[in-house]
Amino acid sequence: MPKFTIITVWNKPELFAQFQQELERQQGVAYTLLAVDNSQNRYPGAREAFLSQMDQVQTEYVVFMHQDIRFRDELALHDIMASAETQENLGIAGVAGC
């Protein structure tokens, strides 16, 4: 079973398709993807959309990602997740940049 659930909220199909391609090329990490379609503005903001999925999470870690995330190489997601696993008492962490 994967240790990570990735939740993304999307509203632009072309950006979401690119995001999926980016995820597919990632290696060395198992994850479950929960994608929230907000193209019809069902949710007033990302917070509400992300929280709508929390009851489906069955993993140790939850990662919230925007649809425009791009990874620098095929192991970027692995490296981020490995770093998160080494942090003691991790509550919340953020990543900015590429």
PDB file of N, CA and C in Angstrom:
ATOM      1  N   MET A   1       0.847  -1.184   0.000  1.00  0.00           N
ATOM      2  CA  MET A   1       0.000   0.000   0.000  1.00  0.00           C
ATOM      3  C   MET A   1       0.893   1.248   0.000  1.00  0.00           C
ATOM      4  N   PRO A   2       0.575   2.234  -0.824  1.00  0.00           N
ATOM      5  CA  PRO A   2       1.360   3.476  -0.854  1.00  0.00           C
ATOM      6  C   PRO A   2       1.318   4.199   0.494  1.00  0.00           C
ATOM      7  N   LYS A   3       2.393   4.908   0.801  1.00  0.00           N
ATOM      8  CA  LYS A   3       2.452   5.721   2.014  1.00  0.00           C
ATOM      9  C   LYS A   3       1.917   7.130   1.782  1.00  0.00           C
ATOM     10  N   PHE A   4       1.751   7.497   0.496  1.00  0.00           N
ATOM     11  CA  PHE A   4       1.425   8.874   0.167  1.00  0.00           C
ATOM     12  C   PHE A   4       0.133   8.973  -0.633  1.00  0.00           C
ATOM     13  N   THR A   5      -0.672   9.950  -0.262  1.00  0.00           N
ATOM     14  CA  THR A   5      -1.819  10.329  -1.074  1.00  0.00           C
ATOM     15  C   THR A   5      -1.530  11.728  -1.574  1.00  0.00           C
ATOM     16  N   ILE A   6      -1.668  11.908  -2.873  1.00  0.00           N
ATOM     17  CA  ILE A   6      -1.530  13.227  -3.477  1.00  0.00           C
ATOM     18  C   ILE A   6      -2.932  13.706  -3.817  1.00  0.00           C
ATOM     19  N   ILE A   7      -3.270  14.877  -3.315  1.00  0.00           N
ATOM     20  CA  ILE A   7      -4.558  15.488  -3.650  1.00  0.00           C
ATOM     21  C   ILE A   7      -4.268  16.718  -4.487  1.00  0.00           C
ATOM     22  N   THR A   8      -4.905  16.781  -5.627  1.00  0.00           N
ATOM     23  CA  THR A   8      -4.767  17.963  -6.474  1.00  0.00           C
ATOM     24  C   THR A   8      -6.153  18.450  -6.872  1.00  0.00           C
ATOM     25  N   VAL A   9      -6.272  19.749  -6.976  1.00  0.00           N
ATOM     26  CA  VAL A   9      -7.503  20.378  -7.434  1.00  0.00           C
ATOM     27  C   VAL A   9      -7.196  20.972  -8.791  1.00  0.00           C
ATOM     28  N   TRP A  10      -8.051  20.655  -9.753  1.00  0.00           N
ATOM     29  CA  TRP A  10      -7.792  21.192 -11.085  1.00  0.00           C
ATOM     30  C   TRP A  10      -9.031  21.890 -11.616  1.00  0.00           C
ATOM     31  N   ASN A  11      -8.768  22.887 -12.467  1.00  0.00           N
ATOM     32  CA  ASN A  11      -9.860  23.608 -13.127  1.00  0.00           C
ATOM     33  C   ASN A  11      -9.566  23.859 -14.606  1.00  0.00           C
ATOM     34  N   LYS A  12      -8.379  23.466 -15.030  1.00  0.00           N
ATOM     35  CA  LYS A  12      -7.992  23.617 -16.430  1.00  0.00           C
ATOM     36  C   LYS A  12      -7.514  22.261 -16.934  1.00  0.00           C
ATOM     37  N   PRO A  13      -8.310  21.618 -17.799  1.00  0.00           N
ATOM     38  CA  PRO A  13      -7.985  20.258 -18.254  1.00  0.00           C
ATOM     39  C   PRO A  13      -6.589  20.121 -18.855  1.00  0.00           C
ATOM     40  N   GLU A  14      -6.131  21.117 -19.594  1.00  0.00           N
ATOM     41  CA  GLU A  14      -4.818  21.013 -20.223  1.00  0.00           C
ATOM     42  C   GLU A  14      -3.692  21.022 -19.188  1.00  0.00           C
ATOM     43  N   LEU A  15      -3.830  21.845 -18.146  1.00  0.00           N
ATOM     44  CA  LEU A  15      -2.833  21.861 -17.080  1.00  0.00           C
ATOM     45  C   LEU A  15      -2.859  20.560 -16.286  1.00  0.00           C
ATOM     46  N   PHE A  16      -4.057  20.049 -16.038  1.00  0.00           N
ATOM     47  CA  PHE A  16      -4.177  18.795 -15.302  1.00  0.00           C
ATOM     48  C   PHE A  16      -3.570  17.639 -16.094  1.00  0.00           C
ATOM     49  N   ALA A  17      -3.757  17.610 -17.400  1.00  0.00           N
ATOM     50  CA  ALA A  17      -3.171  16.561 -18.244  1.00  0.00           C
ATOM     51  C   ALA A  17      -1.641  16.611 -18.162  1.00  0.00           C
ATOM     52  N   GLN A  18      -1.083  17.818 -18.176  1.00  0.00           N
ATOM     53  CA  GLN A  18       0.368  17.958 -18.041  1.00  0.00           C
ATOM     54  C   GLN A  18       0.834  17.496 -16.670  1.00  0.00           C
ATOM     55  N   PHE A  19       0.065  17.817 -15.637  1.00  0.00           N
ATOM     56  CA  PHE A  19       0.383  17.382 -14.282  1.00  0.00           C
ATOM     57  C   PHE A  19       0.401  15.850 -14.204  1.00  0.00           C
ATOM     58  N   GLN A  20      -0.594  15.211 -14.805  1.00  0.00           N
ATOM     59  CA  GLN A  20      -0.642  13.750 -14.804  1.00  0.00           C
ATOM     60  C   GLN A  20       0.573  13.154 -15.516  1.00  0.00           C
ATOM     61  N   GLN A  21       0.973  13.755 -16.619  1.00  0.00           N
ATOM     62  CA  GLN A  21       2.161  13.285 -17.333  1.00  0.00           C
ATOM     63  C   GLN A  21       3.405  13.409 -16.452  1.00  0.00           C
ATOM     64  N   GLU A  22       3.491  14.516 -15.729  1.00  0.00           N
ATOM     65  CA  GLU A  22       4.618  14.708 -14.816  1.00  0.00           C
ATOM     66  C   GLU A  22       4.635  13.624 -13.745  1.00  0.00           C
ATOM     67  N   LEU A  23       3.479  13.333 -13.174  1.00  0.00           N
ATOM     68  CA  LEU A  23       3.413  12.292 -12.152  1.00  0.00           C
ATOM     69  C   LEU A  23       3.786  10.923 -12.714  1.00  0.00           C
ATOM     70  N   GLU A  24       3.328  10.624 -13.913  1.00  0.00           N
ATOM     71  CA  GLU A  24       3.586   9.319 -14.523  1.00  0.00           C
ATOM     72  C   GLU A  24       5.075   9.063 -14.743  1.00  0.00           C
ATOM     73  N   ARG A  25       5.852  10.108 -14.930  1.00  0.00           N
ATOM     74  CA  ARG A  25       7.281   9.906 -15.165  1.00  0.00           C
ATOM     75  C   ARG A  25       8.094   9.829 -13.877  1.00  0.00           C
ATOM     76  N   GLN A  26       7.436  10.049 -12.744  1.00  0.00           N
ATOM     77  CA  GLN A  26       8.137   9.965 -11.462  1.00  0.00           C
ATOM     78  C   GLN A  26       8.425   8.511 -11.114  1.00  0.00           C
ATOM     79  N   GLN A  27       9.599   8.264 -10.580  1.00  0.00           N
ATOM     80  CA  GLN A  27      10.043   6.907 -10.258  1.00  0.00           C
ATOM     81  C   GLN A  27      10.389   6.791  -8.779  1.00  0.00           C
ATOM     82  N   GLY A  28      10.273   5.574  -8.271  1.00  0.00           N
ATOM     83  CA  GLY A  28      10.729   5.285  -6.924  1.00  0.00           C
ATOM     84  C   GLY A  28       9.806   5.714  -5.810  1.00  0.00           C
ATOM     85  N   VAL A  29       8.566   6.027  -6.131  1.00  0.00           N
ATOM     86  CA  VAL A  29       7.619   6.431  -5.097  1.00  0.00           C
ATOM     87  C   VAL A  29       6.230   5.915  -5.460  1.00  0.00           C
ATOM     88  N   ALA A  30       5.565   5.335  -4.473  1.00  0.00           N
ATOM     89  CA  ALA A  30       4.197   4.851  -4.675  1.00  0.00           C
ATOM     90  C   ALA A  30       3.236   5.854  -4.047  1.00  0.00           C
ATOM     91  N   TYR A  31       2.172   6.141  -4.746  1.00  0.00           N
ATOM     92  CA  TYR A  31       1.210   7.122  -4.250  1.00  0.00           C
ATOM     93  C   TYR A  31      -0.179   6.788  -4.779  1.00  0.00           C
ATOM     94  N   THR A  32      -1.159   7.335  -4.104  1.00  0.00           N
ATOM     95  CA  THR A  32      -2.538   7.315  -4.559  1.00  0.00           C
ATOM     96  C   THR A  32      -2.866   8.748  -4.944  1.00  0.00           C
ATOM     97  N   LEU A  33      -3.491   8.940  -6.093  1.00  0.00           N
ATOM     98  CA  LEU A  33      -3.869  10.281  -6.548  1.00  0.00           C
ATOM     99  C   LEU A  33      -5.374  10.475  -6.386  1.00  0.00           C
ATOM    100  N   LEU A  34      -5.737  11.552  -5.718  1.00  0.00           N
ATOM    101  CA  LEU A  34      -7.127  11.990  -5.637  1.00  0.00           C
ATOM    102  C   LEU A  34      -7.202  13.333  -6.350  1.00  0.00           C
ATOM    103  N   ALA A  35      -7.915  13.372  -7.451  1.00  0.00           N
ATOM    104  CA  ALA A  35      -8.012  14.597  -8.256  1.00  0.00           C
ATOM    105  C   ALA A  35      -9.419  15.172  -8.135  1.00  0.00           C
ATOM    106  N   VAL A  36      -9.488  16.432  -7.792  1.00  0.00           N
ATOM    107  CA  VAL A  36     -10.759  17.118  -7.598  1.00  0.00           C
ATOM    108  C   VAL A  36     -11.012  18.038  -8.785  1.00  0.00           C
ATOM    109  N   ASP A  37     -12.067  17.773  -9.506  1.00  0.00           N
ATOM    110  CA  ASP A  37     -12.457  18.609 -10.643  1.00  0.00           C
ATOM    111  C   ASP A  37     -13.207  19.827 -10.118  1.00  0.00           C
ATOM    112  N   ASN A  38     -12.594  20.980 -10.246  1.00  0.00           N
ATOM    113  CA  ASN A  38     -13.257  22.219  -9.851  1.00  0.00           C
ATOM    114  C   ASN A  38     -13.448  23.134 -11.055  1.00  0.00           C
ATOM    115  N   SER A  39     -13.549  22.541 -12.234  1.00  0.00           N
ATOM    116  CA  SER A  39     -13.710  23.335 -13.458  1.00  0.00           C
ATOM    117  C   SER A  39     -15.062  24.054 -13.513  1.00  0.00           C
ATOM    118  N   GLN A  40     -16.015  23.592 -12.716  1.00  0.00           N
ATOM    119  CA  GLN A  40     -17.329  24.252 -12.664  1.00  0.00           C
ATOM    120  C   GLN A  40     -17.481  25.111 -11.397  1.00  0.00           C
ATOM    121  N   ASN A  41     -16.361  25.372 -10.726  1.00  0.00           N
ATOM    122  CA  ASN A  41     -16.334  26.203  -9.511  1.00  0.00           C
ATOM    123  C   ASN A  41     -17.269  25.690  -8.414  1.00  0.00           C
ATOM    124  N   ARG A  42     -17.276  24.381  -8.258  1.00  0.00           N
ATOM    125  CA  ARG A  42     -18.087  23.764  -7.209  1.00  0.00           C
ATOM    126  C   ARG A  42     -17.606  24.195  -5.825  1.00  0.00           C
ATOM    127  N   TYR A  43     -16.284  24.355  -5.690  1.00  0.00           N
ATOM    128  CA  TYR A  43     -15.697  24.742  -4.412  1.00  0.00           C
ATOM    129  C   TYR A  43     -15.253  26.199  -4.476  1.00  0.00           C
ATOM    130  N   PRO A  44     -15.485  26.960  -3.414  1.00  0.00           N
ATOM    131  CA  PRO A  44     -15.090  28.377  -3.436  1.00  0.00           C
ATOM    132  C   PRO A  44     -13.584  28.588  -3.383  1.00  0.00           C
ATOM    133  N   GLY A  45     -12.846  27.584  -2.928  1.00  0.00           N
ATOM    134  CA  GLY A  45     -11.396  27.714  -2.841  1.00  0.00           C
ATOM    135  C   GLY A  45     -10.727  26.360  -2.756  1.00  0.00           C
ATOM    136  N   ALA A  46      -9.400  26.360  -2.874  1.00  0.00           N
ATOM    137  CA  ALA A  46      -8.630  25.113  -2.835  1.00  0.00           C
ATOM    138  C   ALA A  46      -8.788  24.406  -1.491  1.00  0.00           C
ATOM    139  N   ARG A  47      -8.837  25.158  -0.417  1.00  0.00           N
ATOM    140  CA  ARG A  47      -8.966  24.555   0.910  1.00  0.00           C
ATOM    141  C   ARG A  47     -10.185  23.647   0.980  1.00  0.00           C
ATOM    142  N   GLU A  48     -11.317  24.144   0.566  1.00  0.00           N
ATOM    143  CA  GLU A  48     -12.553  23.356   0.617  1.00  0.00           C
ATOM    144  C   GLU A  48     -12.467  22.129  -0.287  1.00  0.00           C
ATOM    145  N   ALA A  49     -11.862  22.302  -1.440  1.00  0.00           N
ATOM    146  CA  ALA A  49     -11.715  21.184  -2.374  1.00  0.00           C
ATOM    147  C   ALA A  49     -10.787  20.119  -1.801  1.00  0.00           C
ATOM    148  N   PHE A  50      -9.658  20.523  -1.244  1.00  0.00           N
ATOM    149  CA  PHE A  50      -8.738  19.572  -0.634  1.00  0.00           C
ATOM    150  C   PHE A  50      -9.426  18.822   0.510  1.00  0.00           C
ATOM    151  N   LEU A  51     -10.077  19.571   1.384  1.00  0.00           N
ATOM    152  CA  LEU A  51     -10.711  18.951   2.551  1.00  0.00           C
ATOM    153  C   LEU A  51     -11.831  17.989   2.161  1.00  0.00           C
ATOM    154  N   SER A  52     -12.435  18.195   1.009  1.00  0.00           N
ATOM    155  CA  SER A  52     -13.517  17.302   0.566  1.00  0.00           C
ATOM    156  C   SER A  52     -13.023  15.881   0.323  1.00  0.00           C
ATOM    157  N   GLN A  53     -11.723  15.705   0.190  1.00  0.00           N
ATOM    158  CA  GLN A  53     -11.148  14.393  -0.114  1.00  0.00           C
ATOM    159  C   GLN A  53     -10.555  13.688   1.101  1.00  0.00           C
ATOM    160  N   MET A  54     -10.452  14.369   2.204  1.00  0.00           N
ATOM    161  CA  MET A  54      -9.737  13.823   3.354  1.00  0.00           C
ATOM    162  C   MET A  54     -10.325  12.513   3.876  1.00  0.00           C
ATOM    163  N   ASP A  55     -11.623  12.307   3.737  1.00  0.00           N
ATOM    164  CA  ASP A  55     -12.215  11.059   4.227  1.00  0.00           C
ATOM    165  C   ASP A  55     -11.822   9.853   3.374  1.00  0.00           C
ATOM    166  N   GLN A  56     -11.232  10.090   2.214  1.00  0.00           N
ATOM    167  CA  GLN A  56     -10.780   9.001   1.346  1.00  0.00           C
ATOM    168  C   GLN A  56      -9.316   8.629   1.561  1.00  0.00           C
ATOM    169  N   VAL A  57      -8.601   9.412   2.335  1.00  0.00           N
ATOM    170  CA  VAL A  57      -7.177   9.185   2.557  1.00  0.00           C
ATOM    171  C   VAL A  57      -6.970   7.988   3.485  1.00  0.00           C
ATOM    172  N   GLN A  58      -6.140   7.050   3.020  1.00  0.00           N
ATOM    173  CA  GLN A  58      -5.827   5.866   3.818  1.00  0.00           C
ATOM    174  C   GLN A  58      -4.316   5.653   3.910  1.00  0.00           C
ATOM    175  N   THR A  59      -3.574   6.726   3.808  1.00  0.00           N
ATOM    176  CA  THR A  59      -2.116   6.639   3.838  1.00  0.00           C
ATOM    177  C   THR A  59      -1.566   7.446   5.007  1.00  0.00           C
ATOM    178  N   GLU A  60      -0.295   7.236   5.273  1.00  0.00           N
ATOM    179  CA  GLU A  60       0.364   7.920   6.379  1.00  0.00           C
ATOM    180  C   GLU A  60       0.560   9.412   6.104  1.00  0.00           C
ATOM    181  N   TYR A  61       0.840   9.755   4.844  1.00  0.00           N
ATOM    182  CA  TYR A  61       1.120  11.136   4.470  1.00  0.00           C
ATOM    183  C   TYR A  61       0.137  11.616   3.412  1.00  0.00           C
ATOM    184  N   VAL A  62      -0.192  12.901   3.483  1.00  0.00           N
ATOM    185  CA  VAL A  62      -1.038  13.552   2.479  1.00  0.00           C
ATOM    186  C   VAL A  62      -0.257  14.712   1.896  1.00  0.00           C
ATOM    187  N   VAL A  63      -0.241  14.794   0.571  1.00  0.00           N
ATOM    188  CA  VAL A  63       0.470  15.855  -0.125  1.00  0.00           C
ATOM    189  C   VAL A  63      -0.546  16.608  -0.977  1.00  0.00           C
ATOM    190  N   PHE A  64      -0.608  17.911  -0.795  1.00  0.00           N
ATOM    191  CA  PHE A  64      -1.488  18.756  -1.596  1.00  0.00           C
ATOM    192  C   PHE A  64      -0.639  19.403  -2.678  1.00  0.00           C
ATOM    193  N   MET A  65      -1.038  19.225  -3.933  1.00  0.00           N
ATOM    194  CA  MET A  65      -0.279  19.786  -5.052  1.00  0.00           C
ATOM    195  C   MET A  65      -1.220  20.531  -5.988  1.00  0.00           C
ATOM    196  N   HIS A  66      -0.709  21.616  -6.533  1.00  0.00           N
ATOM    197  CA  HIS A  66      -1.455  22.358  -7.538  1.00  0.00           C
ATOM    198  C   HIS A  66      -1.279  21.698  -8.904  1.00  0.00           C
ATOM    199  N   GLN A  67      -2.220  21.951  -9.796  1.00  0.00           N
ATOM    200  CA  GLN A  67      -2.190  21.348 -11.132  1.00  0.00           C
ATOM    201  C   GLN A  67      -1.027  21.834 -11.991  1.00  0.00           C
ATOM    202  N   ASP A  68      -0.371  22.899 -11.591  1.00  0.00           N
ATOM    203  CA  ASP A  68       0.730  23.436 -12.402  1.00  0.00           C
ATOM    204  C   ASP A  68       2.113  23.026 -11.889  1.00  0.00           C
ATOM    205  N   ILE A  69       2.170  22.065 -10.977  1.00  0.00           N
ATOM    206  CA  ILE A  69       3.450  21.565 -10.481  1.00  0.00           C
ATOM    207  C   ILE A  69       4.192  20.836 -11.600  1.00  0.00           C
ATOM    208  N   ARG A  70       5.492  21.107 -11.690  1.00  0.00           N
ATOM    209  CA  ARG A  70       6.366  20.394 -12.625  1.00  0.00           C
ATOM    210  C   ARG A  70       7.594  19.954 -11.846  1.00  0.00           C
ATOM    211  N   PHE A  71       8.100  18.774 -12.129  1.00  0.00           N
ATOM    212  CA  PHE A  71       9.240  18.220 -11.408  1.00  0.00           C
ATOM    213  C   PHE A  71      10.513  18.376 -12.221  1.00  0.00           C
ATOM    214  N   ARG A  72      11.635  18.609 -11.558  1.00  0.00           N
ATOM    215  CA  ARG A  72      12.901  18.854 -12.252  1.00  0.00           C
ATOM    216  C   ARG A  72      13.467  17.600 -12.906  1.00  0.00           C
ATOM    217  N   ASP A  73      13.150  16.417 -12.340  1.00  0.00           N
ATOM    218  CA  ASP A  73      13.621  15.160 -12.923  1.00  0.00           C
ATOM    219  C   ASP A  73      12.723  14.021 -12.445  1.00  0.00           C
ATOM    220  N   GLU A  74      13.048  12.799 -12.851  1.00  0.00           N
ATOM    221  CA  GLU A  74      12.197  11.643 -12.573  1.00  0.00           C
ATOM    222  C   GLU A  74      12.214  11.201 -11.116  1.00  0.00           C
ATOM    223  N   LEU A  75      13.154  11.688 -10.335  1.00  0.00           N
ATOM    224  CA  LEU A  75      13.235  11.302  -8.925  1.00  0.00           C
ATOM    225  C   LEU A  75      12.858  12.434  -7.969  1.00  0.00           C
ATOM    226  N   ALA A  76      12.383  13.539  -8.488  1.00  0.00           N
ATOM    227  CA  ALA A  76      12.072  14.698  -7.648  1.00  0.00           C
ATOM    228  C   ALA A  76      11.010  14.371  -6.601  1.00  0.00           C
ATOM    229  N   LEU A  77       9.944  13.718  -6.993  1.00  0.00           N
ATOM    230  CA  LEU A  77       8.887  13.375  -6.040  1.00  0.00           C
ATOM    231  C   LEU A  77       9.414  12.385  -5.001  1.00  0.00           C
ATOM    232  N   HIS A  78      10.182  11.426  -5.437  1.00  0.00           N
ATOM    233  CA  HIS A  78      10.805  10.476  -4.509  1.00  0.00           C
ATOM    234  C   HIS A  78      11.639  11.210  -3.470  1.00  0.00           C
ATOM    235  N   ASP A  79      12.446  12.148  -3.926  1.00  0.00           N
ATOM    236  CA  ASP A  79      13.326  12.889  -3.019  1.00  0.00           C
ATOM    237  C   ASP A  79      12.532  13.719  -2.007  1.00  0.00           C
ATOM    238  N   ILE A  80      11.470  14.345  -2.462  1.00  0.00           N
ATOM    239  CA  ILE A  80      10.622  15.135  -1.566  1.00  0.00           C
ATOM    240  C   ILE A  80       9.994  14.233  -0.512  1.00  0.00           C
ATOM    241  N   MET A  81       9.450  13.107  -0.950  1.00  0.00           N
ATOM    242  CA  MET A  81       8.783  12.186  -0.026  1.00  0.00           C
ATOM    243  C   MET A  81       9.780  11.562   0.943  1.00  0.00           C
ATOM    244  N   ALA A  82      10.964  11.201   0.464  1.00  0.00           N
ATOM    245  CA  ALA A  82      11.983  10.623   1.333  1.00  0.00           C
ATOM    246  C   ALA A  82      12.389  11.622   2.408  1.00  0.00           C
ATOM    247  N   SER A  83      12.489  12.876   2.036  1.00  0.00           N
ATOM    248  CA  SER A  83      12.829  13.916   3.000  1.00  0.00           C
ATOM    249  C   SER A  83      11.735  14.050   4.057  1.00  0.00           C
ATOM    250  N   ALA A  84      10.493  14.000   3.639  1.00  0.00           N
ATOM    251  CA  ALA A  84       9.374  14.105   4.582  1.00  0.00           C
ATOM    252  C   ALA A  84       9.388  12.961   5.582  1.00  0.00           C
ATOM    253  N   GLU A  85       9.738  11.782   5.120  1.00  0.00           N
ATOM    254  CA  GLU A  85       9.748  10.609   6.002  1.00  0.00           C
ATOM    255  C   GLU A  85      10.818  10.685   7.078  1.00  0.00           C
ATOM    256  N   THR A  86      11.864  11.449   6.851  1.00  0.00           N
ATOM    257  CA  THR A  86      12.961  11.523   7.826  1.00  0.00           C
ATOM    258  C   THR A  86      12.717  12.579   8.896  1.00  0.00           C
ATOM    259  N   GLN A  87      11.697  13.394   8.742  1.00  0.00           N
ATOM    260  CA  GLN A  87      11.423  14.460   9.701  1.00  0.00           C
ATOM    261  C   GLN A  87      10.677  13.904  10.910  1.00  0.00           C
ATOM    262  N   GLU A  88      11.203  14.159  12.093  1.00  0.00           N
ATOM    263  CA  GLU A  88      10.529  13.731  13.308  1.00  0.00           C
ATOM    264  C   GLU A  88       9.367  14.670  13.607  1.00  0.00           C
ATOM    265  N   ASN A  89       8.268  14.093  14.034  1.00  0.00           N
ATOM    266  CA  ASN A  89       7.088  14.870  14.437  1.00  0.00           C
ATOM    267  C   ASN A  89       6.619  15.823  13.343  1.00  0.00           C
ATOM    268  N   LEU A  90       6.678  15.378  12.106  1.00  0.00           N
ATOM    269  CA  LEU A  90       6.234  16.221  10.997  1.00  0.00           C
ATOM    270  C   LEU A  90       4.740  16.453  11.075  1.00  0.00           C
ATOM    271  N   GLY A  91       4.358  17.701  11.094  1.00  0.00           N
ATOM    272  CA  GLY A  91       2.946  18.048  11.094  1.00  0.00           C
ATOM    273  C   GLY A  91       2.551  18.540   9.720  1.00  0.00           C
ATOM    274  N   ILE A  92       3.244  19.586   9.277  1.00  0.00           N
ATOM    275  CA  ILE A  92       2.968  20.155   7.971  1.00  0.00           C
ATOM    276  C   ILE A  92       4.282  20.727   7.424  1.00  0.00           C
ATOM    277  N   ALA A  93       4.457  20.594   6.136  1.00  0.00           N
ATOM    278  CA  ALA A  93       5.650  21.126   5.485  1.00  0.00           C
ATOM    279  C   ALA A  93       5.247  21.653   4.113  1.00  0.00           C
ATOM    280  N   GLY A  94       6.044  22.528   3.576  1.00  0.00           N
ATOM    281  CA  GLY A  94       5.751  23.087   2.266  1.00  0.00           C
ATOM    282  C   GLY A  94       6.986  23.078   1.389  1.00  0.00           C
ATOM    283  N   VAL A  95       6.744  23.095   0.099  1.00  0.00           N
ATOM    284  CA  VAL A  95       7.826  23.153  -0.862  1.00  0.00           C
ATOM    285  C   VAL A  95       7.484  24.270  -1.846  1.00  0.00           C
ATOM    286  N   ALA A  96       8.451  25.113  -2.122  1.00  0.00           N
ATOM    287  CA  ALA A  96       8.251  26.187  -3.092  1.00  0.00           C
ATOM    288  C   ALA A  96       9.347  26.076  -4.144  1.00  0.00           C
ATOM    289  N   GLY A  97       9.057  26.534  -5.308  1.00  0.00           N
ATOM    290  CA  GLY A  97      10.040  26.473  -6.388  1.00  0.00           C
ATOM    291  C   GLY A  97       9.931  25.187  -7.148  1.00  0.00           C
ATOM    292  N   CYS A  98      11.010  24.831  -7.829  1.00  0.00           N
ATOM    293  CA  CYS A  98      10.930  23.628  -8.668  1.00  0.00           C
ATOM    294  C   CYS A  98      11.462  22.426  -7.958  1.00  0.00           C
TER     295      CYS A  98
END
